[in-house]
N, C-alpha and C. Protein backbone atom coordinates (compact mmCIF):
# COMPACT_ATOMS: atom_id res chain seq x y z
N MET A 1 161.95 52.87 11.87
CA MET A 1 160.68 53.48 12.19
C MET A 1 160.35 54.51 11.12
N ASP A 2 159.10 54.54 10.71
CA ASP A 2 158.65 55.53 9.74
C ASP A 2 158.08 56.73 10.46
N PHE A 3 158.52 57.90 10.03
CA PHE A 3 158.06 59.14 10.65
C PHE A 3 157.11 59.87 9.71
N THR A 4 156.18 60.61 10.28
CA THR A 4 155.32 61.46 9.47
C THR A 4 156.13 62.67 9.02
N ASP A 5 155.60 63.39 8.05
CA ASP A 5 156.29 64.60 7.58
C ASP A 5 156.47 65.60 8.72
N LYS A 6 155.45 65.72 9.57
CA LYS A 6 155.53 66.63 10.70
C LYS A 6 156.63 66.22 11.67
N GLN A 7 156.74 64.91 11.93
CA GLN A 7 157.79 64.41 12.82
C GLN A 7 159.18 64.64 12.21
N GLU A 8 159.30 64.39 10.91
CA GLU A 8 160.59 64.60 10.23
C GLU A 8 161.02 66.07 10.33
N THR A 9 160.07 66.98 10.14
CA THR A 9 160.37 68.40 10.25
C THR A 9 160.82 68.75 11.66
N LYS A 10 160.14 68.18 12.66
CA LYS A 10 160.48 68.43 14.05
C LYS A 10 161.87 67.88 14.37
N ILE A 11 162.17 66.68 13.91
CA ILE A 11 163.48 66.07 14.14
C ILE A 11 164.57 66.94 13.51
N THR A 12 164.36 67.33 12.28
CA THR A 12 165.33 68.15 11.56
C THR A 12 165.58 69.46 12.29
N ARG A 13 164.51 70.11 12.73
CA ARG A 13 164.64 71.38 13.45
C ARG A 13 165.41 71.19 14.75
N MET A 14 165.08 70.14 15.48
CA MET A 14 165.73 69.90 16.77
C MET A 14 167.20 69.53 16.60
N ILE A 15 167.51 68.73 15.60
CA ILE A 15 168.90 68.29 15.41
C ILE A 15 169.77 69.46 14.98
N THR A 16 169.23 70.36 14.18
CA THR A 16 170.03 71.52 13.76
C THR A 16 170.21 72.52 14.89
N ARG A 17 169.34 72.43 15.90
CA ARG A 17 169.51 73.28 17.09
C ARG A 17 170.47 72.66 18.08
N GLY A 18 170.92 71.43 17.82
CA GLY A 18 171.89 70.80 18.69
C GLY A 18 171.28 69.96 19.80
N GLU A 19 169.99 69.62 19.68
CA GLU A 19 169.35 68.78 20.69
C GLU A 19 169.95 67.39 20.67
N LYS A 20 169.95 66.73 21.83
CA LYS A 20 170.48 65.37 21.93
C LYS A 20 169.46 64.38 21.38
N MET A 21 169.96 63.24 20.92
CA MET A 21 169.11 62.21 20.32
C MET A 21 168.04 61.72 21.29
N ASP A 22 168.40 61.51 22.54
CA ASP A 22 167.42 61.00 23.50
C ASP A 22 166.34 62.04 23.79
N THR A 23 166.69 63.31 23.78
CA THR A 23 165.70 64.37 23.97
C THR A 23 164.72 64.39 22.80
N ILE A 24 165.24 64.23 21.60
CA ILE A 24 164.39 64.22 20.41
C ILE A 24 163.47 63.01 20.44
N ALA A 25 164.00 61.84 20.81
CA ALA A 25 163.19 60.62 20.86
C ALA A 25 162.05 60.78 21.86
N ARG A 26 162.34 61.38 23.02
CA ARG A 26 161.28 61.61 24.01
C ARG A 26 160.24 62.57 23.47
N GLU A 27 160.68 63.59 22.76
CA GLU A 27 159.76 64.59 22.21
C GLU A 27 158.86 63.97 21.14
N ILE A 28 159.40 63.09 20.32
CA ILE A 28 158.61 62.43 19.28
C ILE A 28 157.61 61.47 19.92
N GLY A 29 158.07 60.78 20.97
CA GLY A 29 157.16 59.93 21.73
C GLY A 29 156.92 58.57 21.10
N GLY A 30 155.91 57.89 21.59
CA GLY A 30 155.60 56.55 21.11
C GLY A 30 156.71 55.60 21.45
N ASN A 31 157.00 54.70 20.54
CA ASN A 31 158.09 53.75 20.76
C ASN A 31 159.38 54.19 20.06
N CYS A 32 159.51 55.48 19.82
CA CYS A 32 160.68 56.04 19.16
C CYS A 32 161.90 55.94 20.08
N THR A 33 163.01 55.47 19.54
CA THR A 33 164.25 55.33 20.30
C THR A 33 165.32 56.25 19.73
N CYS A 34 166.40 56.36 20.48
CA CYS A 34 167.56 57.14 20.00
C CYS A 34 168.08 56.58 18.69
N GLN A 35 168.05 55.25 18.57
CA GLN A 35 168.54 54.60 17.35
C GLN A 35 167.66 54.96 16.15
N ASP A 36 166.35 55.10 16.38
CA ASP A 36 165.45 55.52 15.29
C ASP A 36 165.81 56.92 14.81
N ILE A 37 166.07 57.81 15.77
CA ILE A 37 166.44 59.19 15.42
C ILE A 37 167.78 59.21 14.70
N GLN A 38 168.73 58.43 15.20
CA GLN A 38 170.05 58.38 14.56
C GLN A 38 169.95 57.84 13.14
N GLN A 39 169.16 56.79 12.95
CA GLN A 39 168.98 56.21 11.61
C GLN A 39 168.36 57.25 10.67
N PHE A 40 167.35 57.95 11.14
CA PHE A 40 166.74 58.99 10.32
C PHE A 40 167.77 60.05 9.93
N CYS A 41 168.56 60.46 10.91
CA CYS A 41 169.55 61.50 10.66
C CYS A 41 170.56 61.07 9.60
N TRP A 42 171.06 59.86 9.69
CA TRP A 42 172.03 59.39 8.71
C TRP A 42 171.40 59.25 7.33
N GLU A 43 170.16 58.75 7.28
CA GLU A 43 169.50 58.57 5.98
C GLU A 43 169.15 59.90 5.33
N SER A 44 168.80 60.88 6.16
CA SER A 44 168.39 62.18 5.62
C SER A 44 169.54 63.16 5.48
N GLY A 45 170.69 62.82 6.06
CA GLY A 45 171.84 63.72 5.97
C GLY A 45 171.94 64.71 7.11
N TYR A 46 171.10 64.57 8.12
CA TYR A 46 171.15 65.46 9.27
C TYR A 46 171.75 64.74 10.47
N MET A 47 172.72 65.37 11.09
CA MET A 47 173.25 64.88 12.35
C MET A 47 173.95 66.04 13.03
N SER A 48 173.83 66.07 14.32
CA SER A 48 174.48 67.17 15.02
C SER A 48 175.99 67.00 14.91
N TRP A 49 176.68 68.11 14.91
CA TRP A 49 178.14 68.04 14.87
C TRP A 49 178.65 67.45 16.16
N GLN A 50 177.98 67.75 17.26
CA GLN A 50 178.38 67.20 18.55
C GLN A 50 178.27 65.67 18.53
N GLY A 51 177.19 65.17 17.94
CA GLY A 51 177.02 63.72 17.84
C GLY A 51 178.10 63.08 16.97
N SER A 52 178.44 63.74 15.89
CA SER A 52 179.49 63.23 15.02
C SER A 52 180.84 63.22 15.72
N LYS A 53 181.12 64.28 16.44
CA LYS A 53 182.39 64.37 17.18
C LYS A 53 182.47 63.27 18.23
N LYS A 54 181.36 63.04 18.91
CA LYS A 54 181.32 62.00 19.94
C LYS A 54 181.52 60.62 19.32
N MET A 55 180.90 60.40 18.16
CA MET A 55 181.04 59.12 17.48
C MET A 55 182.50 58.89 17.09
N ILE A 56 183.14 59.90 16.55
CA ILE A 56 184.54 59.76 16.15
C ILE A 56 185.42 59.49 17.37
N SER A 57 185.19 60.23 18.45
CA SER A 57 185.98 60.03 19.67
C SER A 57 185.83 58.61 20.21
N ASN A 58 184.59 58.12 20.23
CA ASN A 58 184.36 56.75 20.71
C ASN A 58 185.04 55.72 19.82
N ARG A 59 184.98 55.91 18.52
CA ARG A 59 185.62 54.96 17.60
C ARG A 59 187.14 54.98 17.78
N LEU A 60 187.69 56.17 18.00
CA LEU A 60 189.14 56.27 18.21
C LEU A 60 189.56 55.56 19.50
N LYS A 61 188.76 55.68 20.54
CA LYS A 61 189.05 54.98 21.79
C LYS A 61 189.00 53.46 21.58
N ARG A 62 187.98 53.02 20.84
CA ARG A 62 187.86 51.59 20.56
C ARG A 62 188.97 51.11 19.64
N PHE A 63 189.44 52.01 18.76
CA PHE A 63 190.49 51.65 17.81
C PHE A 63 191.76 51.23 18.54
N LYS A 64 192.09 51.97 19.61
CA LYS A 64 193.30 51.66 20.37
C LYS A 64 193.24 50.26 20.98
N ALA A 65 192.05 49.84 21.36
CA ALA A 65 191.89 48.55 22.04
C ALA A 65 191.54 47.42 21.08
N ALA A 66 191.32 47.72 19.82
CA ALA A 66 190.92 46.69 18.87
C ALA A 66 192.01 45.62 18.76
N GLY A 67 191.58 44.37 18.85
CA GLY A 67 192.54 43.28 18.89
C GLY A 67 192.96 42.75 17.54
N THR A 68 192.07 42.87 16.55
CA THR A 68 192.39 42.28 15.25
C THR A 68 192.45 43.36 14.17
N GLN A 69 193.08 43.01 13.10
CA GLN A 69 193.18 43.91 11.95
C GLN A 69 191.78 44.19 11.39
N ALA A 70 190.92 43.18 11.36
CA ALA A 70 189.56 43.35 10.84
C ALA A 70 188.78 44.36 11.67
N GLU A 71 188.93 44.31 12.99
CA GLU A 71 188.26 45.27 13.87
C GLU A 71 188.76 46.69 13.60
N ARG A 72 190.08 46.82 13.46
CA ARG A 72 190.66 48.14 13.20
C ARG A 72 190.20 48.67 11.84
N GLU A 73 190.15 47.81 10.85
CA GLU A 73 189.69 48.25 9.53
C GLU A 73 188.24 48.71 9.56
N LYS A 74 187.40 47.97 10.28
CA LYS A 74 185.99 48.36 10.40
C LYS A 74 185.87 49.71 11.09
N LEU A 75 186.60 49.90 12.18
CA LEU A 75 186.57 51.18 12.89
C LEU A 75 187.11 52.31 12.01
N ALA A 76 188.15 52.03 11.25
CA ALA A 76 188.72 53.04 10.37
C ALA A 76 187.69 53.50 9.33
N VAL A 77 186.93 52.56 8.80
CA VAL A 77 185.88 52.90 7.83
C VAL A 77 184.82 53.78 8.49
N GLU A 78 184.40 53.41 9.71
CA GLU A 78 183.40 54.19 10.43
C GLU A 78 183.91 55.60 10.73
N ILE A 79 185.16 55.71 11.13
CA ILE A 79 185.76 57.02 11.41
C ILE A 79 185.80 57.85 10.12
N ASP A 80 186.22 57.23 9.03
CA ASP A 80 186.29 57.93 7.75
C ASP A 80 184.92 58.45 7.33
N GLU A 81 183.88 57.64 7.51
CA GLU A 81 182.53 58.07 7.16
C GLU A 81 182.10 59.26 8.00
N ALA A 82 182.41 59.23 9.29
CA ALA A 82 182.01 60.33 10.17
C ALA A 82 182.77 61.61 9.83
N VAL A 83 184.05 61.49 9.54
CA VAL A 83 184.85 62.67 9.16
C VAL A 83 184.34 63.23 7.83
N SER A 84 184.03 62.35 6.90
CA SER A 84 183.49 62.79 5.61
C SER A 84 182.16 63.52 5.81
N TYR A 85 181.34 63.02 6.74
CA TYR A 85 180.07 63.67 7.04
C TYR A 85 180.31 65.08 7.57
N LEU A 86 181.24 65.22 8.50
CA LEU A 86 181.54 66.55 9.04
C LEU A 86 182.05 67.48 7.95
N TYR A 87 182.87 66.95 7.05
CA TYR A 87 183.36 67.75 5.93
C TYR A 87 182.18 68.21 5.07
N TYR A 88 181.26 67.29 4.78
CA TYR A 88 180.08 67.63 3.99
C TYR A 88 179.28 68.73 4.68
N CYS A 89 179.08 68.59 5.99
CA CYS A 89 178.32 69.60 6.75
C CYS A 89 179.00 70.96 6.67
N ALA A 90 180.29 70.98 6.86
CA ALA A 90 181.03 72.24 6.82
C ALA A 90 180.95 72.87 5.42
N LYS A 91 181.07 72.05 4.41
CA LYS A 91 181.00 72.54 3.04
C LYS A 91 179.61 73.09 2.74
N GLU A 92 178.58 72.39 3.19
CA GLU A 92 177.20 72.84 2.99
C GLU A 92 176.95 74.14 3.74
N MET A 93 177.46 74.23 4.96
CA MET A 93 177.29 75.45 5.74
C MET A 93 177.98 76.63 5.05
N ARG A 94 179.14 76.38 4.51
CA ARG A 94 179.87 77.44 3.80
C ARG A 94 179.07 77.92 2.60
N SER A 95 178.44 77.00 1.87
CA SER A 95 177.61 77.37 0.73
C SER A 95 176.44 78.25 1.17
N ARG A 96 175.84 77.90 2.31
CA ARG A 96 174.73 78.70 2.82
C ARG A 96 175.20 80.09 3.23
N ILE A 97 176.35 80.17 3.85
CA ILE A 97 176.89 81.47 4.28
C ILE A 97 177.15 82.35 3.06
N VAL A 98 177.73 81.78 2.03
CA VAL A 98 178.00 82.53 0.80
C VAL A 98 176.70 83.02 0.19
N ALA A 99 175.67 82.17 0.15
CA ALA A 99 174.38 82.57 -0.41
C ALA A 99 173.73 83.68 0.41
N ILE A 100 173.84 83.60 1.72
CA ILE A 100 173.29 84.65 2.60
C ILE A 100 174.03 85.95 2.40
N GLU A 101 175.36 85.89 2.31
CA GLU A 101 176.16 87.10 2.09
C GLU A 101 175.78 87.75 0.75
N LYS A 102 175.57 86.92 -0.25
CA LYS A 102 175.22 87.43 -1.57
C LYS A 102 173.84 88.10 -1.52
N ALA A 103 172.89 87.48 -0.83
CA ALA A 103 171.56 88.05 -0.70
C ALA A 103 171.60 89.37 0.06
N LEU A 104 172.41 89.43 1.09
CA LEU A 104 172.52 90.66 1.87
C LEU A 104 173.12 91.79 1.05
N ARG A 105 174.07 91.48 0.18
CA ARG A 105 174.65 92.52 -0.68
C ARG A 105 173.60 93.08 -1.63
N HIS A 106 172.67 92.23 -2.10
CA HIS A 106 171.63 92.70 -3.01
C HIS A 106 170.59 93.55 -2.29
N ILE A 107 170.40 93.31 -1.01
CA ILE A 107 169.43 94.06 -0.23
C ILE A 107 169.97 95.44 0.10
N SER A 108 171.26 95.52 0.37
CA SER A 108 171.87 96.79 0.79
C SER A 108 171.91 97.81 -0.30
């Protein structure tokens, strides 16, 4: 689904506040689904940490029950991507904190 700039801004704001995907989809309205919001988040680099944690937990549960090596490998790749995303988020947040601390030192 293609979003307007205003919708993208709203999605970004809501996701960084920790809103759930279904809440955001309802707020955007129209025929917007949770999957549309999730796709936007992955493409734009925004996803709630809670959503990422839930995704990893679900993949780990499925990993235990996976019957074939191919299924386990696919799940392992998905888990690795989600963990890498969380690492990226934490690294980005740390950069922002450092920049804010530096700005505050200049103000004082």
